[in-house]
Amino acid sequence: MIDRNYALRMAAYNRWMNQNLYACAARLSDEQRREDRGAFFKSLHGTFEHLVSTDTIWMDRFKLRRVGPMEPLALSFDALRSRREALDEEIAEWAGSLEAEWLAGDFRYYSYAYGAHFSKPGWQLAAHLFNHQTHHRGQATTLLMQFGIDPGPTDLPMLPD
């Protein structure tokens, strides 16, 4: 099982990586960011939108706010970047508030994506939030490399302290 320190470290890592990838993406034109490159969410912009959408849904669930089906964001790059920054702050605050009881207990939620109710340990869902970001940022890194932009080190141990 994970603990608050793990969540705090992963929140810091996510913020660092998101800042880096958005800075790299800012070097591209909007047309390039939105170009269908055959990725799972087609483009770099689509990948960023997916992460903002899903992270918002998880934060809404974890904070017991109303959650509806995922809707397309249709945000400009600058608006998406601002939303990502605010979301990374929210995730860091949430990570800092995690209690061992919440992590050890079951968390019940409804998934519109799967059309079903689930009950999973809190620690598993917290770990999923961070793992999901890492997975799709790997795709974003590949898309940036296809444009000749090397985002540099992406490994967790490279996170500046």
Protein backbone atom coordinates (compact mmCIF):
# COMPACT_ATOMS: atom_id res chain seq x y z
CA MET A 1 0.00 0.00 0.00
CA ILE A 2 1.15 3.55 -0.69
CA ASP A 3 1.21 6.39 1.82
CA ARG A 4 0.92 10.20 1.81
CA ASN A 5 4.66 10.59 1.13
CA TYR A 6 4.35 8.54 -2.05
CA ALA A 7 1.40 10.66 -3.20
CA LEU A 8 3.25 13.89 -2.44
CA ARG A 9 6.32 12.73 -4.36
CA MET A 10 4.25 11.65 -7.33
CA ALA A 11 2.31 14.93 -7.31
CA ALA A 12 5.61 16.83 -7.40
CA TYR A 13 6.87 14.58 -10.21
CA ASN A 14 3.67 15.07 -12.21
CA ARG A 15 3.86 18.86 -11.83
CA TRP A 16 7.51 18.88 -12.92
CA MET A 17 6.88 16.69 -15.94
CA ASN A 18 3.73 18.54 -16.98
CA GLN A 19 5.53 21.90 -16.80
CA ASN A 20 8.36 20.47 -18.89
CA LEU A 21 6.13 18.91 -21.55
CA TYR A 22 3.93 21.98 -21.88
CA ALA A 23 7.06 24.16 -22.22
CA CYS A 24 8.30 21.84 -24.97
CA ALA A 25 4.89 21.86 -26.67
CA ALA A 26 4.82 25.67 -26.60
CA ARG A 27 7.68 25.57 -29.13
CA LEU A 28 5.30 24.03 -31.67
CA SER A 29 2.58 25.76 -33.65
CA ASP A 30 -1.03 25.11 -32.73
CA GLU A 31 -1.38 23.23 -36.01
CA GLN A 32 1.51 20.94 -35.06
CA ARG A 33 0.12 20.32 -31.56
CA ARG A 34 -3.25 19.35 -33.06
CA GLU A 35 -1.89 17.28 -35.96
CA ASP A 36 -3.14 13.70 -36.00
CA ARG A 37 0.07 11.71 -35.52
CA GLY A 38 -1.62 8.34 -35.05
CA ALA A 39 -1.41 8.45 -31.25
CA PHE A 40 -4.14 6.99 -29.06
CA PHE A 41 -5.69 10.46 -28.67
CA LYS A 42 -4.48 11.42 -32.14
CA SER A 43 -2.43 14.51 -31.31
CA LEU A 44 -0.29 16.05 -28.61
CA HIS A 45 -3.12 18.45 -27.81
CA GLY A 46 -5.59 15.55 -27.66
CA THR A 47 -3.31 13.69 -25.25
CA PHE A 48 -3.02 16.76 -23.01
CA GLU A 49 -6.81 17.23 -23.10
CA HIS A 50 -7.38 13.61 -22.13
CA LEU A 51 -5.13 13.94 -19.09
CA VAL A 52 -6.77 17.16 -17.94
CA SER A 53 -10.23 15.61 -18.39
CA THR A 54 -9.48 12.40 -16.56
CA ASP A 55 -7.53 14.06 -13.75
CA THR A 56 -10.45 16.46 -13.26
CA ILE A 57 -12.85 13.53 -13.02
CA TRP A 58 -10.67 11.77 -10.44
CA MET A 59 -10.30 14.94 -8.35
CA ASP A 60 -14.07 15.45 -8.52
CA ARG A 61 -14.59 11.89 -7.34
CA PHE A 62 -12.02 12.09 -4.57
CA LYS A 63 -13.42 15.41 -3.33
CA LEU A 64 -16.98 14.08 -3.58
CA ARG A 65 -18.04 16.63 -6.20
CA ARG A 66 -20.59 15.81 -8.88
CA VAL A 67 -19.11 13.76 -11.72
CA GLY A 68 -20.71 13.49 -15.13
CA PRO A 69 -19.61 11.88 -18.37
CA MET A 70 -16.37 13.14 -19.90
CA GLU A 71 -17.02 15.96 -22.35
CA PRO A 72 -14.58 17.29 -24.95
CA LEU A 73 -12.77 20.32 -23.56
CA ALA A 74 -12.20 22.26 -26.81
CA LEU A 75 -9.70 24.55 -25.05
CA SER A 76 -6.92 26.59 -26.59
CA PHE A 77 -3.39 25.50 -25.72
CA ASP A 78 -2.94 28.44 -23.32
CA ALA A 79 -6.25 27.69 -21.56
CA LEU A 80 -5.38 24.00 -21.37
CA ARG A 81 -1.97 24.84 -19.90
CA SER A 82 -3.56 27.09 -17.26
CA ARG A 83 -6.07 24.40 -16.38
CA ARG A 84 -3.23 21.85 -16.08
CA GLU A 85 -1.31 24.13 -13.72
CA ALA A 86 -4.37 24.66 -11.50
CA LEU A 87 -5.10 20.95 -11.55
CA ASP A 88 -1.53 20.07 -10.58
CA GLU A 89 -1.88 22.42 -7.60
CA GLU A 90 -5.16 20.76 -6.62
CA ILE A 91 -3.60 17.30 -6.89
CA ALA A 92 -0.66 18.36 -4.70
CA GLU A 93 -3.02 19.75 -2.03
CA TRP A 94 -5.13 16.59 -2.16
CA ALA A 95 -2.02 14.39 -1.88
CA GLY A 96 -0.94 16.35 1.20
CA SER A 97 -4.30 15.76 2.83
CA LEU A 98 -4.39 11.98 2.36
CA GLU A 99 -4.97 9.97 5.51
CA ALA A 100 -3.95 6.34 6.03
CA GLU A 101 -7.59 5.42 6.71
CA TRP A 102 -8.71 6.76 3.33
CA LEU A 103 -5.90 4.98 1.54
CA ALA A 104 -6.67 1.67 3.29
CA GLY A 105 -10.45 1.93 2.94
CA ASP A 106 -12.67 1.18 -0.02
CA PHE A 107 -13.73 4.04 -2.28
CA ARG A 108 -16.97 3.68 -4.19
CA TYR A 109 -17.57 5.45 -7.49
CA TYR A 110 -19.43 5.26 -10.78
CA SER A 111 -17.55 5.17 -14.08
CA TYR A 112 -19.35 6.56 -17.11
CA ALA A 113 -16.58 5.11 -19.28
CA TYR A 114 -17.41 1.58 -18.13
CA GLY A 115 -21.07 2.19 -17.26
CA ALA A 116 -20.68 0.53 -13.86
CA HIS A 117 -20.21 1.10 -10.15
CA PHE A 118 -16.89 0.14 -8.57
CA SER A 119 -15.44 -0.22 -5.10
CA LYS A 120 -11.65 -0.20 -4.90
CA PRO A 121 -9.08 0.52 -2.20
CA GLY A 122 -8.23 4.22 -2.01
CA TRP A 123 -4.50 3.51 -2.35
CA GLN A 124 -5.11 1.70 -5.64
CA LEU A 125 -7.07 4.59 -7.10
CA ALA A 126 -4.50 7.15 -5.95
CA ALA A 127 -1.73 5.07 -7.54
CA HIS A 128 -3.85 4.82 -10.70
CA LEU A 129 -4.17 8.61 -10.92
CA PHE A 130 -0.39 8.97 -11.02
CA ASN A 131 0.26 5.90 -13.18
CA HIS A 132 -2.30 7.04 -15.75
CA GLN A 133 -0.55 10.40 -16.09
CA THR A 134 2.84 8.73 -16.49
CA HIS A 135 1.47 6.40 -19.16
CA HIS A 136 0.05 9.16 -21.33
CA ARG A 137 2.97 11.52 -20.77
CA GLY A 138 5.11 8.77 -22.30
CA GLN A 139 2.96 9.09 -25.40
CA ALA A 140 3.32 12.87 -25.31
CA THR A 141 7.10 12.49 -25.05
CA THR A 142 7.10 10.31 -28.17
CA LEU A 143 5.01 12.86 -30.05
CA LEU A 144 7.41 15.64 -29.08
CA MET A 145 10.38 13.53 -30.21
CA GLN A 146 8.65 13.06 -33.59
CA PHE A 147 8.82 16.85 -33.94
CA GLY A 148 12.52 16.84 -33.00
CA ILE A 149 11.97 18.14 -29.46
CA ASP A 150 13.75 16.19 -26.74
CA PRO A 151 12.05 16.77 -23.38
CA GLY A 152 15.16 15.64 -21.53
CA PRO A 153 15.20 13.34 -18.50
CA THR A 154 11.80 11.98 -17.54
CA ASP A 155 12.68 9.47 -14.84
CA LEU A 156 11.35 9.96 -11.33
CA PRO A 157 14.84 9.99 -9.73
CA MET A 158 15.69 13.04 -11.91
CA LEU A 159 13.00 15.13 -10.18
CA PRO A 160 14.86 18.13 -8.74
CA ASP A 161 14.64 18.26 -4.95
